[in-house]
């Protein structure tokens, strides 16, 4: 597949914002000593990230002015459900921030809104992951690891960001509580992503070049892309990256998104230093861009068995 960069940004930024809100919500529910000003600042960051993610989701639409129609098929479409849940999640996070600013009821900001934020974050992860996991004809996505990875990658990036914000915003109590969780989430996210990479590389697809072309021959080599010039099929469903390029991107995503952030988080916990959390966020960001791109690029649409290469 050849993903639009806006889709990569949306899944990366929205997932991190969800993890950030979940980390903050559990801290508030657990009675960890985080100040109201710090909570409000983190919620502002989360809302800004979610709005940016929402804006990015419009960039790959052919007719953005008709985006509202995406919610019409909520009974059968996971994309429609995501379109409904995302604004609801933004609304709850914004309401939480507003309630803190206006000194509303303690129970609203300490219990009800954090619980609602956690529930909607989990539901949003599920809807986003199922957009891809429900496509049975793309075998790289149609697996429980897809959901596992969306949740854990979001938790990892969000918890690391929460710790980084805590070190610069006076939220040391949050750092102490969320630090071990950030390390564990990053380890689990890396393990899950490694499993999915190995599984996808070893898939023996049910569709073959023989079944795609209808030519029953034991040895069949493709010499052209199936037509005399490029088309929508060759532009949108094939990434054009070389095998060596794919290997480099795969190595970069493993090292930048998981290995280095894990080592930096462990360093921060062992030394109580602040800078490793900040560096971990900066290192993980390009790694997650590579990870999201590779998630789409590794998916082999069956049509590429025919529209594959240029002679």
C-alpha atoms as a PDB file:
ATOM      1  CA  UNK A   1       0.000   0.000   0.000  1.00  0.00           C
ATOM      2  CA  UNK A   2       1.034   3.613  -0.543  1.00  0.00           C
ATOM      3  CA  UNK A   3      -0.319   5.594   2.440  1.00  0.00           C
ATOM      4  CA  UNK A   4      -1.061   9.304   2.429  1.00  0.00           C
ATOM      5  CA  UNK A   5       1.207  11.141   4.855  1.00  0.00           C
ATOM      6  CA  UNK A   6      -1.860  12.683   6.491  1.00  0.00           C
ATOM      7  CA  UNK A   7      -3.041   9.201   7.534  1.00  0.00           C
ATOM      8  CA  UNK A   8       0.353   8.531   9.098  1.00  0.00           C
ATOM      9  CA  UNK A   9       0.192  11.809  11.033  1.00  0.00           C
ATOM     10  CA  UNK A  10      -3.368  11.173  12.153  1.00  0.00           C
ATOM     11  CA  UNK A  11      -2.737   7.704  13.565  1.00  0.00           C
ATOM     12  CA  UNK A  12       0.525   8.786  15.236  1.00  0.00           C
ATOM     13  CA  UNK A  13      -0.649  12.062  16.808  1.00  0.00           C
ATOM     14  CA  UNK A  14      -4.108  10.870  17.817  1.00  0.00           C
ATOM     15  CA  UNK A  15      -2.687   7.695  19.377  1.00  0.00           C
ATOM     16  CA  UNK A  16      -0.143   9.666  21.426  1.00  0.00           C
ATOM     17  CA  UNK A  17      -2.842  12.110  22.577  1.00  0.00           C
ATOM     18  CA  UNK A  18      -5.034   9.211  23.674  1.00  0.00           C
ATOM     19  CA  UNK A  19      -2.172   7.710  25.658  1.00  0.00           C
ATOM     20  CA  UNK A  20      -1.423  11.089  27.233  1.00  0.00           C
ATOM     21  CA  UNK A  21      -5.031  11.552  28.357  1.00  0.00           C
ATOM     22  CA  UNK A  22      -5.232   7.993  29.686  1.00  0.00           C
ATOM     23  CA  UNK A  23      -2.028   8.508  31.703  1.00  0.00           C
ATOM     24  CA  UNK A  24      -3.373  11.744  33.178  1.00  0.00           C
ATOM     25  CA  UNK A  25      -6.803  10.237  33.894  1.00  0.00           C
ATOM     26  CA  UNK A  26      -5.340   7.299  35.815  1.00  0.00           C
ATOM     27  CA  UNK A  27      -3.110   9.687  37.757  1.00  0.00           C
ATOM     28  CA  UNK A  28      -6.118  11.772  38.781  1.00  0.00           C
ATOM     29  CA  UNK A  29      -8.227   8.724  39.635  1.00  0.00           C
ATOM     30  CA  UNK A  30      -5.357   7.283  41.665  1.00  0.00           C
ATOM     31  CA  UNK A  31      -5.049  10.415  43.738  1.00  0.00           C
ATOM     32  CA  UNK A  32      -1.515  11.191  42.609  1.00  0.00           C
ATOM     33  CA  UNK A  33      -0.519  14.677  43.653  1.00  0.00           C
ATOM     34  CA  UNK A  34      -0.710  16.556  40.367  1.00  0.00           C
ATOM     35  CA  UNK A  35      -1.715  20.196  40.546  1.00  0.00           C
ATOM     36  CA  UNK A  36      -4.786  21.603  38.836  1.00  0.00           C
ATOM     37  CA  UNK A  37      -2.670  23.949  36.725  1.00  0.00           C
ATOM     38  CA  UNK A  38      -0.521  21.063  35.485  1.00  0.00           C
ATOM     39  CA  UNK A  39      -3.574  18.927  34.676  1.00  0.00           C
ATOM     40  CA  UNK A  40      -5.108  21.797  32.751  1.00  0.00           C
ATOM     41  CA  UNK A  41      -1.892  22.374  30.809  1.00  0.00           C
ATOM     42  CA  UNK A  42      -1.621  18.711  29.816  1.00  0.00           C
ATOM     43  CA  UNK A  43      -5.263  18.676  28.751  1.00  0.00           C
ATOM     44  CA  UNK A  44      -4.605  21.720  26.537  1.00  0.00           C
ATOM     45  CA  UNK A  45      -1.705  19.882  24.909  1.00  0.00           C
ATOM     46  CA  UNK A  46      -3.917  16.825  24.347  1.00  0.00           C
ATOM     47  CA  UNK A  47      -6.742  18.875  22.828  1.00  0.00           C
ATOM     48  CA  UNK A  48      -4.282  20.644  20.513  1.00  0.00           C
ATOM     49  CA  UNK A  49      -2.843  17.306  19.380  1.00  0.00           C
ATOM     50  CA  UNK A  50      -6.300  15.872  18.762  1.00  0.00           C
ATOM     51  CA  UNK A  51      -7.378  18.915  16.758  1.00  0.00           C
ATOM     52  CA  UNK A  52      -4.217  18.665  14.645  1.00  0.00           C
ATOM     53  CA  UNK A  53      -4.917  14.948  14.114  1.00  0.00           C
ATOM     54  CA  UNK A  54      -8.503  15.726  13.137  1.00  0.00           C
ATOM     55  CA  UNK A  55      -7.278  18.331  10.668  1.00  0.00           C
ATOM     56  CA  UNK A  56      -4.779  15.857   9.204  1.00  0.00           C
ATOM     57  CA  UNK A  57      -7.589  13.376   8.619  1.00  0.00           C
ATOM     58  CA  UNK A  58      -9.191  15.853   6.185  1.00  0.00           C
ATOM     59  CA  UNK A  59      -6.089  16.256   4.023  1.00  0.00           C
ATOM     60  CA  UNK A  60      -6.392  12.913   2.189  1.00  0.00           C
ATOM     61  CA  UNK A  61     -10.078  13.393   1.330  1.00  0.00           C
ATOM     62  CA  UNK A  62     -10.978  14.124  -2.260  1.00  0.00           C
ATOM     63  CA  UNK A  63     -13.947  16.287  -1.178  1.00  0.00           C
ATOM     64  CA  UNK A  64     -13.250  17.538   2.380  1.00  0.00           C
ATOM     65  CA  UNK A  65     -16.506  19.528   2.422  1.00  0.00           C
ATOM     66  CA  UNK A  66     -18.385  16.222   2.381  1.00  0.00           C
ATOM     67  CA  UNK A  67     -16.483  14.734   5.312  1.00  0.00           C
ATOM     68  CA  UNK A  68     -19.643  14.787   7.455  1.00  0.00           C
ATOM     69  CA  UNK A  69     -21.048  11.998   5.299  1.00  0.00           C
ATOM     70  CA  UNK A  70     -18.402   9.650   6.658  1.00  0.00           C
ATOM     71  CA  UNK A  71     -20.497   9.221   9.812  1.00  0.00           C
ATOM     72  CA  UNK A  72     -23.582   8.062   7.914  1.00  0.00           C
ATOM     73  CA  UNK A  73     -22.631   4.367   7.804  1.00  0.00           C
ATOM     74  CA  UNK A  74     -22.005   3.926  11.537  1.00  0.00           C
ATOM     75  CA  UNK A  75     -24.037   0.706  11.642  1.00  0.00           C
ATOM     76  CA  UNK A  76     -21.582  -1.185   9.430  1.00  0.00           C
ATOM     77  CA  UNK A  77     -18.425   0.907   9.017  1.00  0.00           C
ATOM     78  CA  UNK A  78     -15.609   1.157  11.554  1.00  0.00           C
ATOM     79  CA  UNK A  79     -14.463   4.334   9.822  1.00  0.00           C
ATOM     80  CA  UNK A  80     -17.852   5.944  10.474  1.00  0.00           C
ATOM     81  CA  UNK A  81     -17.660   4.886  14.117  1.00  0.00           C
ATOM     82  CA  UNK A  82     -14.196   6.417  14.397  1.00  0.00           C
ATOM     83  CA  UNK A  83     -15.529   9.645  12.867  1.00  0.00           C
ATOM     84  CA  UNK A  84     -18.168   9.773  15.622  1.00  0.00           C
ATOM     85  CA  UNK A  85     -15.962   8.738  18.561  1.00  0.00           C
ATOM     86  CA  UNK A  86     -13.056  11.117  17.808  1.00  0.00           C
ATOM     87  CA  UNK A  87     -15.067  14.369  18.167  1.00  0.00           C
ATOM     88  CA  UNK A  88     -16.762  12.905  21.249  1.00  0.00           C
ATOM     89  CA  UNK A  89     -13.344  12.213  22.774  1.00  0.00           C
ATOM     90  CA  UNK A  90     -12.156  15.732  21.939  1.00  0.00           C
ATOM     91  CA  UNK A  91     -15.324  17.106  23.503  1.00  0.00           C
ATOM     92  CA  UNK A  92     -14.834  15.194  26.769  1.00  0.00           C
ATOM     93  CA  UNK A  93     -11.190  16.246  27.067  1.00  0.00           C
ATOM     94  CA  UNK A  94     -12.119  19.877  26.326  1.00  0.00           C
ATOM     95  CA  UNK A  95     -14.988  19.698  28.849  1.00  0.00           C
ATOM     96  CA  UNK A  96     -12.574  18.332  31.456  1.00  0.00           C
ATOM     97  CA  UNK A  97     -10.246  21.285  30.843  1.00  0.00           C
ATOM     98  CA  UNK A  98     -13.150  23.752  30.966  1.00  0.00           C
ATOM     99  CA  UNK A  99     -14.452  22.279  34.217  1.00  0.00           C
ATOM    100  CA  UNK A 100     -11.037  22.729  35.804  1.00  0.00           C
ATOM    101  CA  UNK A 101     -10.862  26.329  34.608  1.00  0.00           C
ATOM    102  CA  UNK A 102     -14.297  27.187  36.001  1.00  0.00           C
ATOM    103  CA  UNK A 103     -13.852  25.292  39.295  1.00  0.00           C
ATOM    104  CA  UNK A 104     -16.789  22.990  38.739  1.00  0.00           C
ATOM    105  CA  UNK A 105     -17.805  20.093  41.009  1.00  0.00           C
ATOM    106  CA  UNK A 106     -14.937  18.032  42.370  1.00  0.00           C
ATOM    107  CA  UNK A 107     -16.568  14.756  41.388  1.00  0.00           C
ATOM    108  CA  UNK A 108     -16.868  15.850  37.770  1.00  0.00           C
ATOM    109  CA  UNK A 109     -13.162  16.582  37.333  1.00  0.00           C
ATOM    110  CA  UNK A 110     -11.849  13.891  39.650  1.00  0.00           C
ATOM    111  CA  UNK A 111     -13.993  10.899  38.656  1.00  0.00           C
ATOM    112  CA  UNK A 112     -16.618  11.222  35.927  1.00  0.00           C
ATOM    113  CA  UNK A 113     -14.658  13.028  33.207  1.00  0.00           C
ATOM    114  CA  UNK A 114     -11.434  10.996  33.695  1.00  0.00           C
ATOM    115  CA  UNK A 115     -13.449   7.765  33.477  1.00  0.00           C
ATOM    116  CA  UNK A 116     -15.259   8.993  30.364  1.00  0.00           C
ATOM    117  CA  UNK A 117     -11.945  10.014  28.797  1.00  0.00           C
ATOM    118  CA  UNK A 118     -10.432   6.559  29.421  1.00  0.00           C
ATOM    119  CA  UNK A 119     -13.497   4.801  27.996  1.00  0.00           C
ATOM    120  CA  UNK A 120     -13.575   6.940  24.839  1.00  0.00           C
ATOM    121  CA  UNK A 121      -9.806   6.624  24.318  1.00  0.00           C
ATOM    122  CA  UNK A 122     -10.081   2.831  24.416  1.00  0.00           C
ATOM    123  CA  UNK A 123     -13.112   2.907  22.111  1.00  0.00           C
ATOM    124  CA  UNK A 124     -11.280   5.186  19.668  1.00  0.00           C
ATOM    125  CA  UNK A 125      -8.262   2.855  19.602  1.00  0.00           C
ATOM    126  CA  UNK A 126     -10.589  -0.052  18.910  1.00  0.00           C
ATOM    127  CA  UNK A 127     -12.429   1.722  16.082  1.00  0.00           C
ATOM    128  CA  UNK A 128      -9.200   2.876  14.424  1.00  0.00           C
ATOM    129  CA  UNK A 129      -7.585  -0.553  14.629  1.00  0.00           C
ATOM    130  CA  UNK A 130     -10.684  -2.335  13.339  1.00  0.00           C
ATOM    131  CA  UNK A 131     -10.719  -0.174  10.203  1.00  0.00           C
ATOM    132  CA  UNK A 132      -7.693  -2.238   9.159  1.00  0.00           C
ATOM    133  CA  UNK A 133      -8.158  -5.478  11.113  1.00  0.00           C
ATOM    134  CA  UNK A 134     -11.589  -6.091   9.536  1.00  0.00           C
ATOM    135  CA  UNK A 135     -10.124  -6.234   5.992  1.00  0.00           C
ATOM    136  CA  UNK A 136      -9.750  -9.991   5.631  1.00  0.00           C
ATOM    137  CA  UNK A 137      -8.272  -9.759   2.128  1.00  0.00           C
ATOM    138  CA  UNK A 138      -5.240  -7.877   3.526  1.00  0.00           C
ATOM    139  CA  UNK A 139      -3.740 -10.644   5.614  1.00  0.00           C
ATOM    140  CA  UNK A 140      -1.075  -8.429   7.211  1.00  0.00           C
ATOM    141  CA  UNK A 141      -3.812  -6.467   8.995  1.00  0.00           C
ATOM    142  CA  UNK A 142      -6.486  -9.100   9.630  1.00  0.00           C
ATOM    143  CA  UNK A 143      -5.012 -10.246  12.948  1.00  0.00           C
ATOM    144  CA  UNK A 144      -5.448  -9.429  16.683  1.00  0.00           C
ATOM    145  CA  UNK A 145      -1.914  -7.977  16.741  1.00  0.00           C
ATOM    146  CA  UNK A 146      -3.247  -4.986  14.815  1.00  0.00           C
ATOM    147  CA  UNK A 147      -5.438  -3.961  17.743  1.00  0.00           C
ATOM    148  CA  UNK A 148      -2.703  -4.854  20.232  1.00  0.00           C
ATOM    149  CA  UNK A 149      -0.211  -2.617  18.433  1.00  0.00           C
ATOM    150  CA  UNK A 150      -2.527   0.384  18.067  1.00  0.00           C
ATOM    151  CA  UNK A 151      -3.286   0.372  21.799  1.00  0.00           C
ATOM    152  CA  UNK A 152       0.251  -0.273  23.042  1.00  0.00           C
ATOM    153  CA  UNK A 153       1.951   2.135  20.631  1.00  0.00           C
ATOM    154  CA  UNK A 154      -0.493   4.846  21.707  1.00  0.00           C
ATOM    155  CA  UNK A 155       0.124   4.077  25.382  1.00  0.00           C
ATOM    156  CA  UNK A 156       3.891   4.045  24.896  1.00  0.00           C
ATOM    157  CA  UNK A 157       4.036   7.383  23.078  1.00  0.00           C
ATOM    158  CA  UNK A 158       1.466   8.969  25.385  1.00  0.00           C
ATOM    159  CA  UNK A 159       3.139   7.841  28.603  1.00  0.00           C
ATOM    160  CA  UNK A 160       6.562   8.975  27.401  1.00  0.00           C
ATOM    161  CA  UNK A 161       5.065  12.340  26.498  1.00  0.00           C
ATOM    162  CA  UNK A 162       3.373  12.557  29.916  1.00  0.00           C
ATOM    163  CA  UNK A 163       6.708  11.965  31.635  1.00  0.00           C
ATOM    164  CA  UNK A 164       8.417  14.553  29.433  1.00  0.00           C
ATOM    165  CA  UNK A 165       5.731  17.141  30.188  1.00  0.00           C
ATOM    166  CA  UNK A 166       5.955  16.292  33.871  1.00  0.00           C
ATOM    167  CA  UNK A 167       9.672  16.994  33.968  1.00  0.00           C
ATOM    168  CA  UNK A 168       9.265  20.477  32.470  1.00  0.00           C
ATOM    169  CA  UNK A 169       5.860  21.407  33.911  1.00  0.00           C
ATOM    170  CA  UNK A 170       6.193  20.581  37.575  1.00  0.00           C
ATOM    171  CA  UNK A 171       4.476  17.211  37.452  1.00  0.00           C
ATOM    172  CA  UNK A 172       7.146  15.159  39.220  1.00  0.00           C
ATOM    173  CA  UNK A 173       4.495  13.037  40.935  1.00  0.00           C
ATOM    174  CA  UNK A 174       3.131  12.026  37.546  1.00  0.00           C
ATOM    175  CA  UNK A 175       6.626  11.163  36.333  1.00  0.00           C
ATOM    176  CA  UNK A 176       7.233   8.922  39.337  1.00  0.00           C
ATOM    177  CA  UNK A 177       3.926   7.128  38.806  1.00  0.00           C
ATOM    178  CA  UNK A 178       3.884   6.955  35.003  1.00  0.00           C
ATOM    179  CA  UNK A 179       7.595   6.294  34.463  1.00  0.00           C
ATOM    180  CA  UNK A 180       7.505   2.515  35.122  1.00  0.00           C
ATOM    181  CA  UNK A 181       4.297   2.256  33.073  1.00  0.00           C
ATOM    182  CA  UNK A 182       5.973   4.094  30.184  1.00  0.00           C
ATOM    183  CA  UNK A 183       8.883   1.662  30.252  1.00  0.00           C
ATOM    184  CA  UNK A 184       6.567  -1.373  30.405  1.00  0.00           C
ATOM    185  CA  UNK A 185       4.302  -0.059  27.628  1.00  0.00           C
ATOM    186  CA  UNK A 186       7.275   0.647  25.355  1.00  0.00           C
ATOM    187  CA  UNK A 187       8.685  -2.838  25.973  1.00  0.00           C
ATOM    188  CA  UNK A 188       5.306  -4.460  25.254  1.00  0.00           C
ATOM    189  CA  UNK A 189       4.734  -2.272  22.197  1.00  0.00           C
ATOM    190  CA  UNK A 190       8.137  -3.230  20.819  1.00  0.00           C
ATOM    191  CA  UNK A 191       7.488  -6.905  21.484  1.00  0.00           C
ATOM    192  CA  UNK A 192       4.086  -6.763  19.801  1.00  0.00           C
ATOM    193  CA  UNK A 193       5.414  -4.870  16.802  1.00  0.00           C
ATOM    194  CA  UNK A 194       8.296  -7.326  16.426  1.00  0.00           C
ATOM    195  CA  UNK A 195       5.843 -10.228  16.449  1.00  0.00           C
ATOM    196  CA  UNK A 196       3.680  -8.577  13.798  1.00  0.00           C
ATOM    197  CA  UNK A 197       6.693  -7.774  11.599  1.00  0.00           C
ATOM    198  CA  UNK A 198       7.878 -11.379  11.754  1.00  0.00           C
ATOM    199  CA  UNK A 199       4.386 -12.743  11.166  1.00  0.00           C
ATOM    200  CA  UNK A 200       3.761 -10.499   8.170  1.00  0.00           C
ATOM    201  CA  UNK A 201       7.157 -11.294   6.606  1.00  0.00           C
ATOM    202  CA  UNK A 202       6.395 -15.031   6.811  1.00  0.00           C
ATOM    203  CA  UNK A 203       2.832 -14.928   5.428  1.00  0.00           C
ATOM    204  CA  UNK A 204       2.157 -17.305   2.566  1.00  0.00           C
ATOM    205  CA  UNK A 205      -0.674 -15.534   0.801  1.00  0.00           C
ATOM    206  CA  UNK A 206      -3.682 -17.453  -0.399  1.00  0.00           C
ATOM    207  CA  UNK A 207      -3.711 -15.425  -3.615  1.00  0.00           C
ATOM    208  CA  UNK A 208      -0.816 -16.048  -5.993  1.00  0.00           C
ATOM    209  CA  UNK A 209       0.389 -14.646  -9.285  1.00  0.00           C
ATOM    210  CA  UNK A 210      -1.157 -17.676 -10.954  1.00  0.00           C
ATOM    211  CA  UNK A 211      -4.571 -17.074  -9.384  1.00  0.00           C
ATOM    212  CA  UNK A 212      -4.399 -13.346 -10.141  1.00  0.00           C
ATOM    213  CA  UNK A 213      -3.639 -13.816 -13.824  1.00  0.00           C
ATOM    214  CA  UNK A 214      -5.455 -17.093 -14.415  1.00  0.00           C
ATOM    215  CA  UNK A 215      -2.313 -18.645 -15.880  1.00  0.00           C
ATOM    216  CA  UNK A 216      -1.846 -22.167 -14.540  1.00  0.00           C
ATOM    217  CA  UNK A 217       1.924 -22.531 -14.742  1.00  0.00           C
ATOM    218  CA  UNK A 218       4.273 -23.793 -12.024  1.00  0.00           C
ATOM    219  CA  UNK A 219       6.813 -21.040 -12.753  1.00  0.00           C
ATOM    220  CA  UNK A 220       5.470 -17.596 -13.595  1.00  0.00           C
ATOM    221  CA  UNK A 221       7.562 -14.407 -13.656  1.00  0.00           C
ATOM    222  CA  UNK A 222       6.063 -10.927 -13.962  1.00  0.00           C
ATOM    223  CA  UNK A 223       7.853  -8.558 -16.355  1.00  0.00           C
ATOM    224  CA  UNK A 224       5.472  -5.581 -16.483  1.00  0.00           C
ATOM    225  CA  UNK A 225       2.875  -3.908 -14.296  1.00  0.00           C
ATOM    226  CA  UNK A 226      -0.113  -5.084 -16.321  1.00  0.00           C
ATOM    227  CA  UNK A 227      -0.692  -1.991 -18.444  1.00  0.00           C
ATOM    228  CA  UNK A 228       1.283   0.368 -20.640  1.00  0.00           C
ATOM    229  CA  UNK A 229       1.386   3.287 -18.174  1.00  0.00           C
ATOM    230  CA  UNK A 230       0.827   4.150 -14.536  1.00  0.00           C
ATOM    231  CA  UNK A 231      -2.692   4.442 -13.132  1.00  0.00           C
ATOM    232  CA  UNK A 232      -4.598   4.857  -9.872  1.00  0.00           C
ATOM    233  CA  UNK A 233      -3.810   1.223  -9.084  1.00  0.00           C
ATOM    234  CA  UNK A 234      -0.051   1.635  -9.390  1.00  0.00           C
ATOM    235  CA  UNK A 235      -0.022   4.974  -7.550  1.00  0.00           C
ATOM    236  CA  UNK A 236      -2.237   4.180  -4.567  1.00  0.00           C
ATOM    237  CA  UNK A 237      -1.594   0.495  -3.895  1.00  0.00           C
ATOM    238  CA  UNK A 238       2.144   0.191  -4.415  1.00  0.00           C
ATOM    239  CA  UNK A 239       4.737   2.190  -2.434  1.00  0.00           C
ATOM    240  CA  UNK A 240       7.606   1.804  -4.969  1.00  0.00           C
ATOM    241  CA  UNK A 241      10.262   1.458  -2.255  1.00  0.00           C
ATOM    242  CA  UNK A 242      13.112  -0.953  -2.969  1.00  0.00           C
ATOM    243  CA  UNK A 243      13.789  -4.007  -0.837  1.00  0.00           C
ATOM    244  CA  UNK A 244      16.919  -2.390   0.585  1.00  0.00           C
ATOM    245  CA  UNK A 245      14.922   0.745   1.390  1.00  0.00           C
ATOM    246  CA  UNK A 246      12.284  -1.303   3.201  1.00  0.00           C
ATOM    247  CA  UNK A 247      14.970  -3.011   5.282  1.00  0.00           C
ATOM    248  CA  UNK A 248      16.416   0.343   6.334  1.00  0.00           C
ATOM    249  CA  UNK A 249      12.997   1.695   7.285  1.00  0.00           C
ATOM    250  CA  UNK A 250      12.239  -1.446   9.262  1.00  0.00           C
ATOM    251  CA  UNK A 251      15.511  -1.135  11.170  1.00  0.00           C
ATOM    252  CA  UNK A 252      14.874   2.565  11.808  1.00  0.00           C
ATOM    253  CA  UNK A 253      11.402   1.979  13.217  1.00  0.00           C
ATOM    254  CA  UNK A 254      12.569  -0.755  15.571  1.00  0.00           C
ATOM    255  CA  UNK A 255      15.523   1.255  16.870  1.00  0.00           C
ATOM    256  CA  UNK A 256      13.930   4.709  17.031  1.00  0.00           C
ATOM    257  CA  UNK A 257      10.396   3.812  18.101  1.00  0.00           C
ATOM    258  CA  UNK A 258      11.178   1.086  20.631  1.00  0.00           C
ATOM    259  CA  UNK A 259      14.810   0.239  21.429  1.00  0.00           C
ATOM    260  CA  UNK A 260      16.167   3.725  22.136  1.00  0.00           C
ATOM    261  CA  UNK A 261      13.034   4.955  23.990  1.00  0.00           C
ATOM    262  CA  UNK A 262      13.165   1.832  26.168  1.00  0.00           C
ATOM    263  CA  UNK A 263      16.833   2.435  27.023  1.00  0.00           C
ATOM    264  CA  UNK A 264      16.212   6.126  27.695  1.00  0.00           C
ATOM    265  CA  UNK A 265      13.211   5.383  29.920  1.00  0.00           C
ATOM    266  CA  UNK A 266      15.267   2.857  31.875  1.00  0.00           C
ATOM    267  CA  UNK A 267      18.061   5.434  32.207  1.00  0.00           C
ATOM    268  CA  UNK A 268      15.606   8.039  33.492  1.00  0.00           C
ATOM    269  CA  UNK A 269      14.167   5.666  36.081  1.00  0.00           C
ATOM    270  CA  UNK A 270      17.606   4.558  37.239  1.00  0.00           C
ATOM    271  CA  UNK A 271      19.157   8.027  37.519  1.00  0.00           C
ATOM    272  CA  UNK A 272      16.028  10.176  38.136  1.00  0.00           C
ATOM    273  CA  UNK A 273      17.301  12.474  35.389  1.00  0.00           C
ATOM    274  CA  UNK A 274      14.825  14.577  33.426  1.00  0.00           C
ATOM    275  CA  UNK A 275      16.534  14.831  30.041  1.00  0.00           C
ATOM    276  CA  UNK A 276      16.099  11.146  28.998  1.00  0.00           C
ATOM    277  CA  UNK A 277      12.305  11.578  28.935  1.00  0.00           C
ATOM    278  CA  UNK A 278      12.597  14.571  26.621  1.00  0.00           C
ATOM    279  CA  UNK A 279      15.070  12.818  24.345  1.00  0.00           C
ATOM    280  CA  UNK A 280      12.890   9.680  24.304  1.00  0.00           C
ATOM    281  CA  UNK A 281       9.948  11.677  22.918  1.00  0.00           C
ATOM    282  CA  UNK A 282      12.128  13.365  20.294  1.00  0.00           C
ATOM    283  CA  UNK A 283      13.687  10.051  19.233  1.00  0.00           C
ATOM    284  CA  UNK A 284      10.430   8.137  19.151  1.00  0.00           C
ATOM    285  CA  UNK A 285       8.568  10.656  16.954  1.00  0.00           C
ATOM    286  CA  UNK A 286      10.432   9.901  13.670  1.00  0.00           C
ATOM    287  CA  UNK A 287      10.423   6.218  14.616  1.00  0.00           C
ATOM    288  CA  UNK A 288       6.637   6.256  14.842  1.00  0.00           C
ATOM    289  CA  UNK A 289       6.403   7.989  11.460  1.00  0.00           C
ATOM    290  CA  UNK A 290       8.504   5.163  10.001  1.00  0.00           C
ATOM    291  CA  UNK A 291       6.429   2.597  11.891  1.00  0.00           C
ATOM    292  CA  UNK A 292       3.107   3.894  10.616  1.00  0.00           C
ATOM    293  CA  UNK A 293       4.420   4.113   7.053  1.00  0.00           C
ATOM    294  CA  UNK A 294       5.751   0.566   7.232  1.00  0.00           C
ATOM    295  CA  UNK A 295       2.436  -0.652   8.666  1.00  0.00           C
ATOM    296  CA  UNK A 296       0.736   0.441   5.459  1.00  0.00           C
ATOM    297  CA  UNK A 297       3.584  -0.358   3.073  1.00  0.00           C
ATOM    298  CA  UNK A 298       3.953  -3.939   4.304  1.00  0.00           C
ATOM    299  CA  UNK A 299       0.292  -4.637   3.576  1.00  0.00           C
ATOM    300  CA  UNK A 300       0.076  -6.404   0.232  1.00  0.00           C
ATOM    301  CA  UNK A 301      -3.151  -5.628  -1.542  1.00  0.00           C
ATOM    302  CA  UNK A 302      -4.155  -8.622  -3.726  1.00  0.00           C
ATOM    303  CA  UNK A 303      -4.354  -6.381  -6.805  1.00  0.00           C
ATOM    304  CA  UNK A 304      -0.568  -5.890  -6.601  1.00  0.00           C
ATOM    305  CA  UNK A 305      -0.161  -9.469  -7.749  1.00  0.00           C
ATOM    306  CA  UNK A 306      -1.081  -8.118 -11.152  1.00  0.00           C
ATOM    307  CA  UNK A 307      -0.198  -4.389 -11.023  1.00  0.00           C
ATOM    308  CA  UNK A 308       3.202  -4.874  -9.456  1.00  0.00           C
ATOM    309  CA  UNK A 309       6.322  -3.770 -11.256  1.00  0.00           C
ATOM    310  CA  UNK A 310       7.381  -1.750 -14.266  1.00  0.00           C
ATOM    311  CA  UNK A 311       9.493  -3.627 -16.810  1.00  0.00           C
END
